N, C-alpha and C. Protein backbone atom coordinates (compact mmCIF):
# COMPACT_ATOMS: atom_id res chain seq x y z
N UNK A 1 -6.69 -35.24 -9.45
CA UNK A 1 -6.11 -35.82 -10.64
C UNK A 1 -6.32 -34.87 -11.82
N UNK A 2 -5.32 -34.74 -12.64
CA UNK A 2 -5.38 -33.85 -13.79
C UNK A 2 -5.84 -34.62 -15.02
N UNK A 3 -6.67 -33.99 -15.84
CA UNK A 3 -7.14 -34.66 -17.05
C UNK A 3 -6.03 -34.80 -18.08
N UNK A 4 -6.11 -35.85 -18.86
CA UNK A 4 -5.12 -36.09 -19.92
C UNK A 4 -5.69 -35.54 -21.23
N UNK A 5 -5.63 -34.22 -21.37
CA UNK A 5 -6.16 -33.55 -22.55
C UNK A 5 -5.15 -32.50 -23.02
N UNK A 6 -5.33 -32.04 -24.24
CA UNK A 6 -4.59 -30.88 -24.71
C UNK A 6 -5.36 -29.66 -24.25
N UNK A 7 -4.71 -28.85 -23.44
CA UNK A 7 -5.35 -27.64 -22.94
C UNK A 7 -5.20 -26.52 -23.95
N UNK A 8 -6.10 -25.56 -23.86
CA UNK A 8 -6.06 -24.40 -24.73
C UNK A 8 -5.29 -23.28 -24.04
N UNK A 9 -4.46 -22.61 -24.83
CA UNK A 9 -3.68 -21.50 -24.29
C UNK A 9 -4.12 -20.16 -24.86
N UNK A 10 -5.25 -20.14 -25.50
CA UNK A 10 -5.74 -18.93 -26.18
C UNK A 10 -6.33 -17.95 -25.17
N UNK A 11 -5.54 -16.97 -24.78
CA UNK A 11 -5.93 -15.98 -23.77
C UNK A 11 -7.07 -15.07 -24.22
N UNK A 12 -7.17 -14.80 -25.52
CA UNK A 12 -8.16 -13.83 -25.99
C UNK A 12 -9.47 -14.46 -26.48
N UNK A 13 -9.67 -15.73 -26.20
CA UNK A 13 -10.91 -16.39 -26.63
C UNK A 13 -12.07 -15.96 -25.73
N UNK A 14 -13.18 -15.53 -26.32
CA UNK A 14 -14.32 -15.11 -25.50
C UNK A 14 -15.02 -16.28 -24.79
N UNK A 15 -14.72 -17.51 -25.20
CA UNK A 15 -15.34 -18.69 -24.57
C UNK A 15 -14.49 -19.31 -23.48
N UNK A 16 -13.30 -18.78 -23.24
CA UNK A 16 -12.32 -19.45 -22.38
C UNK A 16 -12.82 -19.76 -20.97
N UNK A 17 -13.59 -18.88 -20.35
CA UNK A 17 -14.02 -19.11 -18.98
C UNK A 17 -15.05 -20.24 -18.85
N UNK A 18 -15.61 -20.66 -19.97
CA UNK A 18 -16.58 -21.75 -19.98
C UNK A 18 -16.01 -23.03 -20.58
N UNK A 19 -14.80 -22.96 -21.07
CA UNK A 19 -14.21 -24.08 -21.80
C UNK A 19 -13.35 -24.96 -20.88
N UNK A 20 -13.63 -26.24 -20.90
CA UNK A 20 -12.89 -27.20 -20.09
C UNK A 20 -11.41 -27.24 -20.49
N UNK A 21 -11.15 -27.09 -21.77
CA UNK A 21 -9.75 -27.10 -22.23
C UNK A 21 -8.94 -25.95 -21.65
N UNK A 22 -9.61 -24.85 -21.29
CA UNK A 22 -8.92 -23.70 -20.73
C UNK A 22 -8.92 -23.73 -19.20
N UNK A 23 -10.04 -24.15 -18.60
CA UNK A 23 -10.20 -24.04 -17.15
C UNK A 23 -9.76 -25.27 -16.36
N UNK A 24 -9.55 -26.39 -17.01
CA UNK A 24 -9.18 -27.61 -16.28
C UNK A 24 -7.80 -27.46 -15.62
N UNK A 25 -7.60 -28.22 -14.58
CA UNK A 25 -6.34 -28.18 -13.83
C UNK A 25 -5.21 -28.76 -14.69
N UNK A 26 -4.10 -28.06 -14.69
CA UNK A 26 -2.92 -28.50 -15.46
C UNK A 26 -2.07 -29.44 -14.62
N UNK A 27 -1.44 -30.37 -15.28
CA UNK A 27 -0.50 -31.26 -14.62
C UNK A 27 0.79 -30.50 -14.31
N UNK A 28 1.31 -30.62 -13.08
CA UNK A 28 2.57 -29.94 -12.77
C UNK A 28 3.77 -30.64 -13.40
N UNK A 29 3.57 -31.86 -13.90
CA UNK A 29 4.68 -32.64 -14.45
C UNK A 29 4.71 -32.67 -15.97
N UNK A 30 3.53 -32.79 -16.56
CA UNK A 30 3.47 -32.90 -18.02
C UNK A 30 2.10 -32.42 -18.47
N UNK A 31 2.08 -31.45 -19.33
CA UNK A 31 0.82 -30.96 -19.85
C UNK A 31 1.00 -30.54 -21.29
N UNK A 32 0.12 -31.04 -22.16
CA UNK A 32 0.18 -30.61 -23.55
C UNK A 32 -0.79 -29.44 -23.75
N UNK A 33 -0.37 -28.52 -24.57
CA UNK A 33 -1.17 -27.35 -24.91
C UNK A 33 -1.29 -27.27 -26.42
N UNK A 34 -2.38 -26.68 -26.87
CA UNK A 34 -2.58 -26.46 -28.30
C UNK A 34 -3.14 -25.07 -28.49
N UNK A 35 -2.93 -24.55 -29.65
CA UNK A 35 -3.46 -23.23 -29.98
C UNK A 35 -4.72 -23.46 -30.81
N UNK A 36 -5.82 -23.73 -30.12
CA UNK A 36 -7.09 -23.94 -30.82
C UNK A 36 -7.56 -22.61 -31.39
N UNK A 37 -8.41 -22.66 -32.39
CA UNK A 37 -8.80 -21.45 -33.10
C UNK A 37 -10.26 -21.10 -32.91
N UNK A 38 -10.48 -19.96 -32.31
CA UNK A 38 -11.82 -19.38 -32.23
C UNK A 38 -12.04 -18.59 -33.51
N UNK A 39 -13.18 -18.80 -34.14
CA UNK A 39 -13.49 -18.10 -35.39
C UNK A 39 -14.40 -16.90 -35.11
N UNK A 40 -13.90 -15.71 -35.42
CA UNK A 40 -14.72 -14.52 -35.29
C UNK A 40 -15.87 -14.54 -36.30
N UNK A 41 -15.65 -15.17 -37.41
CA UNK A 41 -16.67 -15.22 -38.46
C UNK A 41 -17.86 -16.09 -38.04
N UNK A 42 -17.58 -17.28 -37.48
CA UNK A 42 -18.67 -18.19 -37.07
C UNK A 42 -19.02 -18.05 -35.60
N UNK A 43 -18.23 -17.27 -34.85
CA UNK A 43 -18.42 -17.07 -33.41
C UNK A 43 -18.39 -18.40 -32.65
N UNK A 44 -17.44 -19.27 -33.04
CA UNK A 44 -17.35 -20.59 -32.42
C UNK A 44 -15.93 -21.14 -32.49
N UNK A 45 -15.73 -22.23 -31.79
CA UNK A 45 -14.48 -22.97 -31.81
C UNK A 45 -14.82 -24.45 -31.98
N UNK A 46 -14.24 -25.07 -32.97
CA UNK A 46 -14.51 -26.49 -33.22
C UNK A 46 -14.11 -27.37 -32.04
N UNK A 47 -13.14 -26.94 -31.26
CA UNK A 47 -12.62 -27.75 -30.16
C UNK A 47 -13.16 -27.34 -28.80
N UNK A 48 -14.16 -26.46 -28.77
CA UNK A 48 -14.75 -26.03 -27.51
C UNK A 48 -15.34 -27.23 -26.78
N UNK A 49 -15.11 -27.28 -25.46
CA UNK A 49 -15.60 -28.36 -24.62
C UNK A 49 -16.15 -27.68 -23.37
N UNK A 50 -17.46 -27.64 -23.25
CA UNK A 50 -18.09 -26.90 -22.16
C UNK A 50 -17.72 -27.53 -20.81
N UNK A 51 -17.21 -26.69 -19.91
CA UNK A 51 -16.83 -27.15 -18.58
C UNK A 51 -18.08 -27.45 -17.76
N UNK A 52 -17.98 -28.46 -16.92
CA UNK A 52 -19.09 -28.86 -16.09
C UNK A 52 -19.57 -27.69 -15.23
N UNK A 53 -20.88 -27.46 -15.24
CA UNK A 53 -21.46 -26.38 -14.46
C UNK A 53 -21.40 -25.02 -15.13
N UNK A 54 -20.87 -24.94 -16.33
CA UNK A 54 -20.72 -23.66 -17.04
C UNK A 54 -21.69 -23.53 -18.21
N UNK A 55 -22.66 -24.42 -18.29
CA UNK A 55 -23.58 -24.43 -19.43
C UNK A 55 -24.38 -23.13 -19.53
N UNK A 56 -24.89 -22.62 -18.40
CA UNK A 56 -25.68 -21.39 -18.43
C UNK A 56 -24.81 -20.19 -18.82
N UNK A 57 -23.58 -20.15 -18.29
CA UNK A 57 -22.67 -19.07 -18.67
C UNK A 57 -22.35 -19.12 -20.16
N UNK A 58 -22.15 -20.32 -20.67
CA UNK A 58 -21.86 -20.49 -22.09
C UNK A 58 -23.02 -19.98 -22.95
N UNK A 59 -24.24 -20.30 -22.55
CA UNK A 59 -25.40 -19.84 -23.32
C UNK A 59 -25.48 -18.32 -23.33
N UNK A 60 -25.18 -17.67 -22.21
CA UNK A 60 -25.20 -16.20 -22.15
C UNK A 60 -24.13 -15.61 -23.08
N UNK A 61 -22.94 -16.17 -23.01
CA UNK A 61 -21.85 -15.68 -23.86
C UNK A 61 -22.18 -15.88 -25.33
N UNK A 62 -22.69 -17.07 -25.65
CA UNK A 62 -23.04 -17.38 -27.04
C UNK A 62 -24.09 -16.39 -27.57
N UNK A 63 -25.10 -16.09 -26.77
CA UNK A 63 -26.12 -15.13 -27.20
C UNK A 63 -25.53 -13.75 -27.41
N UNK A 64 -24.64 -13.33 -26.53
CA UNK A 64 -24.04 -12.00 -26.69
C UNK A 64 -23.14 -11.95 -27.93
N UNK A 65 -22.46 -13.04 -28.23
CA UNK A 65 -21.60 -13.07 -29.42
C UNK A 65 -22.42 -13.04 -30.70
N UNK A 66 -23.53 -13.75 -30.69
CA UNK A 66 -24.39 -13.80 -31.88
C UNK A 66 -25.03 -12.43 -32.11
N UNK A 67 -25.28 -11.68 -31.04
CA UNK A 67 -25.88 -10.35 -31.16
C UNK A 67 -24.92 -9.33 -31.77
N UNK A 68 -23.62 -9.61 -31.71
CA UNK A 68 -22.64 -8.71 -32.30
C UNK A 68 -22.77 -8.75 -33.82
N UNK A 69 -22.55 -7.62 -34.48
CA UNK A 69 -22.62 -7.63 -35.95
C UNK A 69 -21.53 -8.52 -36.52
N UNK A 70 -21.83 -9.22 -37.61
CA UNK A 70 -20.81 -10.09 -38.23
C UNK A 70 -19.64 -9.26 -38.77
N UNK A 71 -18.48 -9.84 -38.73
CA UNK A 71 -17.30 -9.17 -39.25
C UNK A 71 -17.30 -9.22 -40.77
N UNK A 72 -16.82 -8.15 -41.36
CA UNK A 72 -16.63 -8.13 -42.80
C UNK A 72 -15.37 -8.87 -43.15
N UNK A 73 -15.26 -9.38 -44.34
CA UNK A 73 -14.06 -10.11 -44.77
C UNK A 73 -12.82 -9.24 -44.62
N UNK A 74 -12.94 -7.94 -44.86
CA UNK A 74 -11.79 -7.05 -44.73
C UNK A 74 -11.34 -6.91 -43.27
N UNK A 75 -12.28 -7.09 -42.31
CA UNK A 75 -11.92 -7.06 -40.89
C UNK A 75 -11.13 -8.30 -40.49
N UNK A 76 -11.44 -9.41 -41.12
CA UNK A 76 -10.80 -10.68 -40.81
C UNK A 76 -9.42 -10.76 -41.47
N UNK A 77 -9.35 -10.35 -42.74
CA UNK A 77 -8.12 -10.42 -43.49
C UNK A 77 -7.82 -9.04 -44.06
N UNK A 78 -7.11 -8.20 -43.30
CA UNK A 78 -6.88 -6.82 -43.77
C UNK A 78 -6.02 -6.72 -45.03
N UNK A 79 -5.41 -7.78 -45.47
CA UNK A 79 -4.58 -7.75 -46.67
C UNK A 79 -5.42 -7.85 -47.94
N UNK A 80 -6.73 -8.16 -47.83
CA UNK A 80 -7.53 -8.29 -49.05
C UNK A 80 -8.09 -6.97 -49.51
C-alpha cells in the first residue's frame, strides 16, 4: 500500500536518502509531489520526515552537514 502523502521531488537534497517523503513508494495511479525546501543556511528542511530505520544514517548526515562551514549571505543570494 502506498502512503497518502506529498512526496518530495528535490533531487539535490542532502537528506533525501533518509527522508520518508523522498524514499516512500509512489502510487502508480495518483501521487502528489511538492518542492520542499532544504535550507543551506540552517542545514535543515522543515518538512523532513525521517524514514523508518534511517535514524542512524540521518544522524551521520546531520553531523557532516553541521561540520561544513556556514554559507555567507552572498553565497546564498548572489544578487546582493
